[in-house]
């Protein structure tokens, strides 16, 4: 069973205040999360944490995963330097656009996860077949609950039951994060498409869900 990912509650009065703590580079953006009390146990450099990002002036909340780059334990500003995961690049763009106050057009939010309950047949490592369901789905991945957890980077075979479709949509995936308990319990899965055509076909099904 994978260990519980530390959950970081990153609550900001304004999106602009958050953006002041963001650093852009060649890869995914990083951001500094100040911590007033004790730094979260288990959130060491190189580890992955589950982050709940809130912008009060936008009435917006995002669930993302981030890699810990640095723990700042001393000095006036204590906290964690975190980096968005490369696999969640679309999510990163949406978060930064929202923080900046942009009105994000559908084509720019196409990687957004859509809350929904879809049945999924899952082949886990070791050829175990289990029934599960989504809590959300997007063009790049989904979140699964109701089946046993597999360690991060594990390959999965998925058969997703989209409404109105005669057959489940078959696609391979990779486990990004597995959380045994808490508000993000389940597995975050990144799709691994076999072809551009398969990617486009799934994108069309997800677009129908979003109206």
C-alpha atoms as a PDB file:
ATOM      1  CA  UNK A   1       0.000   0.000   0.000  1.00  0.00           C
ATOM      2  CA  UNK A   2       1.489   3.396  -0.945  1.00  0.00           C
ATOM      3  CA  UNK A   3       2.158   5.806   1.908  1.00  0.00           C
ATOM      4  CA  UNK A   4      -0.254   8.688   2.464  1.00  0.00           C
ATOM      5  CA  UNK A   5       0.750  11.786   0.515  1.00  0.00           C
ATOM      6  CA  UNK A   6       1.099  14.879   2.705  1.00  0.00           C
ATOM      7  CA  UNK A   7      -1.775  17.280   1.998  1.00  0.00           C
ATOM      8  CA  UNK A   8      -0.872  20.979   1.755  1.00  0.00           C
ATOM      9  CA  UNK A   9      -3.665  23.533   2.248  1.00  0.00           C
ATOM     10  CA  UNK A  10      -2.448  26.594   0.296  1.00  0.00           C
ATOM     11  CA  UNK A  11      -4.967  29.360   0.990  1.00  0.00           C
ATOM     12  CA  UNK A  12      -4.398  32.799  -0.595  1.00  0.00           C
ATOM     13  CA  UNK A  13      -6.318  36.041  -0.084  1.00  0.00           C
ATOM     14  CA  UNK A  14      -5.791  36.949  -3.759  1.00  0.00           C
ATOM     15  CA  UNK A  15      -4.525  35.302  -6.907  1.00  0.00           C
ATOM     16  CA  UNK A  16      -2.074  38.191  -7.285  1.00  0.00           C
ATOM     17  CA  UNK A  17      -0.490  37.352  -3.918  1.00  0.00           C
ATOM     18  CA  UNK A  18       0.023  33.769  -5.082  1.00  0.00           C
ATOM     19  CA  UNK A  19       1.607  34.899  -8.358  1.00  0.00           C
ATOM     20  CA  UNK A  20       4.206  36.908  -6.413  1.00  0.00           C
ATOM     21  CA  UNK A  21       5.479  33.561  -5.098  1.00  0.00           C
ATOM     22  CA  UNK A  22       5.615  31.845  -8.509  1.00  0.00           C
ATOM     23  CA  UNK A  23       8.859  31.315 -10.421  1.00  0.00           C
ATOM     24  CA  UNK A  24       8.857  30.415 -14.125  1.00  0.00           C
ATOM     25  CA  UNK A  25      11.632  28.443 -15.828  1.00  0.00           C
ATOM     26  CA  UNK A  26      12.194  26.143 -18.773  1.00  0.00           C
ATOM     27  CA  UNK A  27      10.202  23.372 -17.113  1.00  0.00           C
ATOM     28  CA  UNK A  28       7.118  23.429 -14.868  1.00  0.00           C
ATOM     29  CA  UNK A  29       6.595  26.520 -12.726  1.00  0.00           C
ATOM     30  CA  UNK A  30       7.457  26.446  -9.035  1.00  0.00           C
ATOM     31  CA  UNK A  31       5.898  28.348  -6.168  1.00  0.00           C
ATOM     32  CA  UNK A  32       6.713  29.046  -2.533  1.00  0.00           C
ATOM     33  CA  UNK A  33       4.119  28.020   0.055  1.00  0.00           C
ATOM     34  CA  UNK A  34       4.657  29.852   3.392  1.00  0.00           C
ATOM     35  CA  UNK A  35       4.011  27.810   6.542  1.00  0.00           C
ATOM     36  CA  UNK A  36       3.317  29.596   9.831  1.00  0.00           C
ATOM     37  CA  UNK A  37       3.703  26.563  12.106  1.00  0.00           C
ATOM     38  CA  UNK A  38       5.500  23.251  11.764  1.00  0.00           C
ATOM     39  CA  UNK A  39       6.389  22.125   8.266  1.00  0.00           C
ATOM     40  CA  UNK A  40       4.367  19.076   7.149  1.00  0.00           C
ATOM     41  CA  UNK A  41       5.956  15.782   8.130  1.00  0.00           C
ATOM     42  CA  UNK A  42       6.958  13.643   5.172  1.00  0.00           C
ATOM     43  CA  UNK A  43       7.221  16.587   2.771  1.00  0.00           C
ATOM     44  CA  UNK A  44      10.916  16.190   2.026  1.00  0.00           C
ATOM     45  CA  UNK A  45      12.876  17.319  -1.046  1.00  0.00           C
ATOM     46  CA  UNK A  46      12.059  15.117  -4.026  1.00  0.00           C
ATOM     47  CA  UNK A  47       8.793  13.881  -2.528  1.00  0.00           C
ATOM     48  CA  UNK A  48       5.337  14.464  -3.990  1.00  0.00           C
ATOM     49  CA  UNK A  49       2.596  16.252  -2.062  1.00  0.00           C
ATOM     50  CA  UNK A  50      -1.109  16.784  -2.699  1.00  0.00           C
ATOM     51  CA  UNK A  51      -1.921  20.504  -2.777  1.00  0.00           C
ATOM     52  CA  UNK A  52      -5.278  22.232  -2.366  1.00  0.00           C
ATOM     53  CA  UNK A  53      -4.833  25.714  -3.877  1.00  0.00           C
ATOM     54  CA  UNK A  54      -7.480  28.325  -3.023  1.00  0.00           C
ATOM     55  CA  UNK A  55      -7.823  31.911  -4.249  1.00  0.00           C
ATOM     56  CA  UNK A  56     -10.407  33.718  -2.115  1.00  0.00           C
ATOM     57  CA  UNK A  57     -10.858  36.647  -4.488  1.00  0.00           C
ATOM     58  CA  UNK A  58     -11.599  34.227  -7.344  1.00  0.00           C
ATOM     59  CA  UNK A  59     -13.761  31.847  -5.276  1.00  0.00           C
ATOM     60  CA  UNK A  60     -11.632  29.130  -6.902  1.00  0.00           C
ATOM     61  CA  UNK A  61     -10.116  25.904  -5.633  1.00  0.00           C
ATOM     62  CA  UNK A  62      -7.758  23.520  -7.449  1.00  0.00           C
ATOM     63  CA  UNK A  63      -6.380  20.117  -6.483  1.00  0.00           C
ATOM     64  CA  UNK A  64      -2.887  19.577  -7.893  1.00  0.00           C
ATOM     65  CA  UNK A  65       0.170  17.476  -7.163  1.00  0.00           C
ATOM     66  CA  UNK A  66       3.581  19.041  -6.684  1.00  0.00           C
ATOM     67  CA  UNK A  67       7.176  17.963  -6.090  1.00  0.00           C
ATOM     68  CA  UNK A  68       9.017  19.360  -3.063  1.00  0.00           C
ATOM     69  CA  UNK A  69      12.132  21.231  -4.190  1.00  0.00           C
ATOM     70  CA  UNK A  70      13.175  22.705  -0.844  1.00  0.00           C
ATOM     71  CA  UNK A  71      12.203  22.913   2.824  1.00  0.00           C
ATOM     72  CA  UNK A  72      12.939  26.308   4.386  1.00  0.00           C
ATOM     73  CA  UNK A  73      12.961  25.593   8.126  1.00  0.00           C
ATOM     74  CA  UNK A  74      14.620  28.742   9.478  1.00  0.00           C
ATOM     75  CA  UNK A  75      14.406  32.471   8.973  1.00  0.00           C
ATOM     76  CA  UNK A  76      11.548  34.935   8.673  1.00  0.00           C
ATOM     77  CA  UNK A  77       9.960  33.060   5.788  1.00  0.00           C
ATOM     78  CA  UNK A  78       9.449  29.376   6.481  1.00  0.00           C
ATOM     79  CA  UNK A  79       7.769  27.016   4.088  1.00  0.00           C
ATOM     80  CA  UNK A  80       8.097  24.783   1.065  1.00  0.00           C
ATOM     81  CA  UNK A  81       9.300  25.453  -2.452  1.00  0.00           C
ATOM     82  CA  UNK A  82       7.044  23.314  -4.658  1.00  0.00           C
ATOM     83  CA  UNK A  83       7.062  22.490  -8.371  1.00  0.00           C
ATOM     84  CA  UNK A  84       4.044  21.541 -10.486  1.00  0.00           C
ATOM     85  CA  UNK A  85       4.337  18.074 -12.007  1.00  0.00           C
ATOM     86  CA  UNK A  86       5.138  17.939 -15.728  1.00  0.00           C
ATOM     87  CA  UNK A  87       2.182  15.569 -16.204  1.00  0.00           C
ATOM     88  CA  UNK A  88      -0.158  18.316 -14.907  1.00  0.00           C
ATOM     89  CA  UNK A  89       1.122  21.073 -17.218  1.00  0.00           C
ATOM     90  CA  UNK A  90      -2.393  21.855 -18.438  1.00  0.00           C
ATOM     91  CA  UNK A  91      -3.578  22.158 -14.842  1.00  0.00           C
ATOM     92  CA  UNK A  92      -0.684  24.500 -14.081  1.00  0.00           C
ATOM     93  CA  UNK A  93      -1.689  26.788 -16.969  1.00  0.00           C
ATOM     94  CA  UNK A  94      -5.285  26.885 -15.745  1.00  0.00           C
ATOM     95  CA  UNK A  95      -4.241  27.703 -12.150  1.00  0.00           C
ATOM     96  CA  UNK A  96      -1.940  30.531 -13.244  1.00  0.00           C
ATOM     97  CA  UNK A  97      -4.542  31.945 -15.637  1.00  0.00           C
ATOM     98  CA  UNK A  98      -7.183  31.926 -12.904  1.00  0.00           C
ATOM     99  CA  UNK A  99      -4.798  33.567 -10.421  1.00  0.00           C
ATOM    100  CA  UNK A 100      -4.109  36.301 -12.970  1.00  0.00           C
ATOM    101  CA  UNK A 101      -7.850  36.961 -13.286  1.00  0.00           C
ATOM    102  CA  UNK A 102      -8.228  35.773 -16.863  1.00  0.00           C
ATOM    103  CA  UNK A 103     -11.552  34.583 -18.191  1.00  0.00           C
ATOM    104  CA  UNK A 104     -10.439  31.200 -19.475  1.00  0.00           C
ATOM    105  CA  UNK A 105     -12.074  30.135 -22.740  1.00  0.00           C
ATOM    106  CA  UNK A 106     -13.082  26.475 -23.136  1.00  0.00           C
ATOM    107  CA  UNK A 107     -10.231  25.780 -25.572  1.00  0.00           C
ATOM    108  CA  UNK A 108      -7.736  26.967 -22.948  1.00  0.00           C
ATOM    109  CA  UNK A 109      -9.350  24.948 -20.152  1.00  0.00           C
ATOM    110  CA  UNK A 110      -9.618  21.770 -22.243  1.00  0.00           C
ATOM    111  CA  UNK A 111      -7.422  19.875 -19.774  1.00  0.00           C
ATOM    112  CA  UNK A 112      -9.719  20.715 -16.873  1.00  0.00           C
ATOM    113  CA  UNK A 113     -11.068  17.709 -14.997  1.00  0.00           C
ATOM    114  CA  UNK A 114     -14.864  17.428 -15.162  1.00  0.00           C
ATOM    115  CA  UNK A 115     -16.521  16.077 -11.969  1.00  0.00           C
ATOM    116  CA  UNK A 116     -18.419  12.916 -12.907  1.00  0.00           C
ATOM    117  CA  UNK A 117     -19.104   9.340 -11.861  1.00  0.00           C
ATOM    118  CA  UNK A 118     -18.228   6.992 -14.716  1.00  0.00           C
ATOM    119  CA  UNK A 119     -17.811   3.216 -14.355  1.00  0.00           C
ATOM    120  CA  UNK A 120     -14.279   1.996 -15.086  1.00  0.00           C
ATOM    121  CA  UNK A 121     -12.934  -1.522 -15.414  1.00  0.00           C
ATOM    122  CA  UNK A 122      -9.290  -1.503 -14.301  1.00  0.00           C
ATOM    123  CA  UNK A 123      -6.498  -4.009 -14.918  1.00  0.00           C
ATOM    124  CA  UNK A 124      -4.000  -3.480 -12.112  1.00  0.00           C
ATOM    125  CA  UNK A 125      -0.374  -4.681 -12.037  1.00  0.00           C
ATOM    126  CA  UNK A 126      -0.374  -8.468 -11.698  1.00  0.00           C
ATOM    127  CA  UNK A 127      -3.384  -8.774 -14.057  1.00  0.00           C
ATOM    128  CA  UNK A 128      -5.952  -8.060 -11.331  1.00  0.00           C
ATOM    129  CA  UNK A 129      -9.267  -6.863 -12.792  1.00  0.00           C
ATOM    130  CA  UNK A 130     -11.432  -4.617 -10.629  1.00  0.00           C
ATOM    131  CA  UNK A 131     -14.447  -2.352 -11.014  1.00  0.00           C
ATOM    132  CA  UNK A 132     -13.975   1.288 -10.035  1.00  0.00           C
ATOM    133  CA  UNK A 133     -15.423   4.687 -10.864  1.00  0.00           C
ATOM    134  CA  UNK A 134     -14.170   8.180 -11.590  1.00  0.00           C
ATOM    135  CA  UNK A 135     -14.589  11.263  -9.446  1.00  0.00           C
ATOM    136  CA  UNK A 136     -13.456  13.401 -12.381  1.00  0.00           C
ATOM    137  CA  UNK A 137     -12.092  12.981 -15.893  1.00  0.00           C
ATOM    138  CA  UNK A 138     -10.221  15.160 -18.373  1.00  0.00           C
ATOM    139  CA  UNK A 139      -8.482  14.847 -21.709  1.00  0.00           C
ATOM    140  CA  UNK A 140      -5.216  13.972 -19.973  1.00  0.00           C
ATOM    141  CA  UNK A 141      -6.327  11.712 -17.152  1.00  0.00           C
ATOM    142  CA  UNK A 142      -8.812  10.875 -14.424  1.00  0.00           C
ATOM    143  CA  UNK A 143      -9.147  10.174 -10.717  1.00  0.00           C
ATOM    144  CA  UNK A 144     -10.232   6.671  -9.669  1.00  0.00           C
ATOM    145  CA  UNK A 145     -11.894   5.426  -6.492  1.00  0.00           C
ATOM    146  CA  UNK A 146     -13.306   2.091  -5.432  1.00  0.00           C
ATOM    147  CA  UNK A 147     -10.409  -0.208  -6.329  1.00  0.00           C
ATOM    148  CA  UNK A 148      -7.159  -1.182  -4.681  1.00  0.00           C
ATOM    149  CA  UNK A 149      -4.296   1.301  -5.029  1.00  0.00           C
ATOM    150  CA  UNK A 150      -1.221   0.734  -7.170  1.00  0.00           C
ATOM    151  CA  UNK A 151       2.133   2.456  -6.537  1.00  0.00           C
ATOM    152  CA  UNK A 152       3.022   5.616  -8.499  1.00  0.00           C
ATOM    153  CA  UNK A 153       4.319   4.943 -12.043  1.00  0.00           C
ATOM    154  CA  UNK A 154       2.399   1.651 -12.233  1.00  0.00           C
ATOM    155  CA  UNK A 155       0.853   0.940 -15.674  1.00  0.00           C
ATOM    156  CA  UNK A 156      -2.906   0.364 -15.842  1.00  0.00           C
ATOM    157  CA  UNK A 157      -5.367  -0.770 -18.502  1.00  0.00           C
ATOM    158  CA  UNK A 158      -8.658   1.133 -18.349  1.00  0.00           C
ATOM    159  CA  UNK A 159     -12.097   0.593 -19.892  1.00  0.00           C
ATOM    160  CA  UNK A 160     -14.141   3.769 -19.291  1.00  0.00           C
ATOM    161  CA  UNK A 161     -17.936   3.726 -19.622  1.00  0.00           C
ATOM    162  CA  UNK A 162     -18.956   7.034 -21.210  1.00  0.00           C
ATOM    163  CA  UNK A 163     -22.725   7.728 -21.270  1.00  0.00           C
ATOM    164  CA  UNK A 164     -24.448   6.908 -24.538  1.00  0.00           C
ATOM    165  CA  UNK A 165     -21.545   4.844 -25.889  1.00  0.00           C
ATOM    166  CA  UNK A 166     -22.173   1.187 -26.811  1.00  0.00           C
ATOM    167  CA  UNK A 167     -18.718   0.045 -25.684  1.00  0.00           C
ATOM    168  CA  UNK A 168     -16.318   1.211 -22.959  1.00  0.00           C
ATOM    169  CA  UNK A 169     -13.374   3.289 -24.174  1.00  0.00           C
ATOM    170  CA  UNK A 170     -10.127   1.323 -23.762  1.00  0.00           C
ATOM    171  CA  UNK A 171      -6.938   3.251 -22.963  1.00  0.00           C
ATOM    172  CA  UNK A 172      -3.721   2.667 -21.047  1.00  0.00           C
ATOM    173  CA  UNK A 173      -2.722   4.809 -18.078  1.00  0.00           C
ATOM    174  CA  UNK A 174       0.013   5.491 -15.534  1.00  0.00           C
ATOM    175  CA  UNK A 175      -0.511   6.115 -11.823  1.00  0.00           C
ATOM    176  CA  UNK A 176       0.658   9.629 -10.932  1.00  0.00           C
ATOM    177  CA  UNK A 177      -0.294   9.499  -7.245  1.00  0.00           C
ATOM    178  CA  UNK A 178      -2.118   7.144  -4.885  1.00  0.00           C
ATOM    179  CA  UNK A 179      -3.751   8.462  -1.700  1.00  0.00           C
ATOM    180  CA  UNK A 180      -5.179   5.873   0.754  1.00  0.00           C
ATOM    181  CA  UNK A 181      -7.320   8.297   2.781  1.00  0.00           C
ATOM    182  CA  UNK A 182      -8.553  11.857   3.036  1.00  0.00           C
ATOM    183  CA  UNK A 183     -10.349  14.184   0.608  1.00  0.00           C
ATOM    184  CA  UNK A 184      -8.247  13.021  -2.359  1.00  0.00           C
ATOM    185  CA  UNK A 185      -8.435   9.295  -1.610  1.00  0.00           C
ATOM    186  CA  UNK A 186      -7.918   7.174  -4.724  1.00  0.00           C
ATOM    187  CA  UNK A 187      -5.545   7.186  -7.688  1.00  0.00           C
ATOM    188  CA  UNK A 188      -4.718  10.046 -10.018  1.00  0.00           C
ATOM    189  CA  UNK A 189      -4.078   8.491 -13.439  1.00  0.00           C
ATOM    190  CA  UNK A 190      -2.416   9.970 -16.513  1.00  0.00           C
ATOM    191  CA  UNK A 191      -3.492   8.585 -19.895  1.00  0.00           C
ATOM    192  CA  UNK A 192      -0.876   6.964 -22.142  1.00  0.00           C
ATOM    193  CA  UNK A 193      -2.298   7.144 -25.647  1.00  0.00           C
ATOM    194  CA  UNK A 194      -1.356   4.633 -28.348  1.00  0.00           C
ATOM    195  CA  UNK A 195      -1.919   7.128 -31.193  1.00  0.00           C
ATOM    196  CA  UNK A 196      -3.037  10.711 -31.946  1.00  0.00           C
ATOM    197  CA  UNK A 197      -6.341   9.243 -33.139  1.00  0.00           C
ATOM    198  CA  UNK A 198      -6.972   7.620 -29.772  1.00  0.00           C
ATOM    199  CA  UNK A 199      -6.196  10.929 -28.036  1.00  0.00           C
ATOM    200  CA  UNK A 200      -8.617  12.793 -30.291  1.00  0.00           C
ATOM    201  CA  UNK A 201     -11.370  10.208 -29.793  1.00  0.00           C
ATOM    202  CA  UNK A 202     -11.150  10.457 -26.009  1.00  0.00           C
ATOM    203  CA  UNK A 203     -11.014  14.261 -26.166  1.00  0.00           C
ATOM    204  CA  UNK A 204     -14.303  14.239 -28.101  1.00  0.00           C
ATOM    205  CA  UNK A 205     -15.970  12.059 -25.429  1.00  0.00           C
ATOM    206  CA  UNK A 206     -14.716  14.329 -22.630  1.00  0.00           C
ATOM    207  CA  UNK A 207     -15.929  17.413 -24.517  1.00  0.00           C
ATOM    208  CA  UNK A 208     -19.439  15.947 -24.591  1.00  0.00           C
ATOM    209  CA  UNK A 209     -19.355  15.594 -20.797  1.00  0.00           C
ATOM    210  CA  UNK A 210     -18.463  19.274 -20.462  1.00  0.00           C
ATOM    211  CA  UNK A 211     -21.392  20.330 -22.591  1.00  0.00           C
END
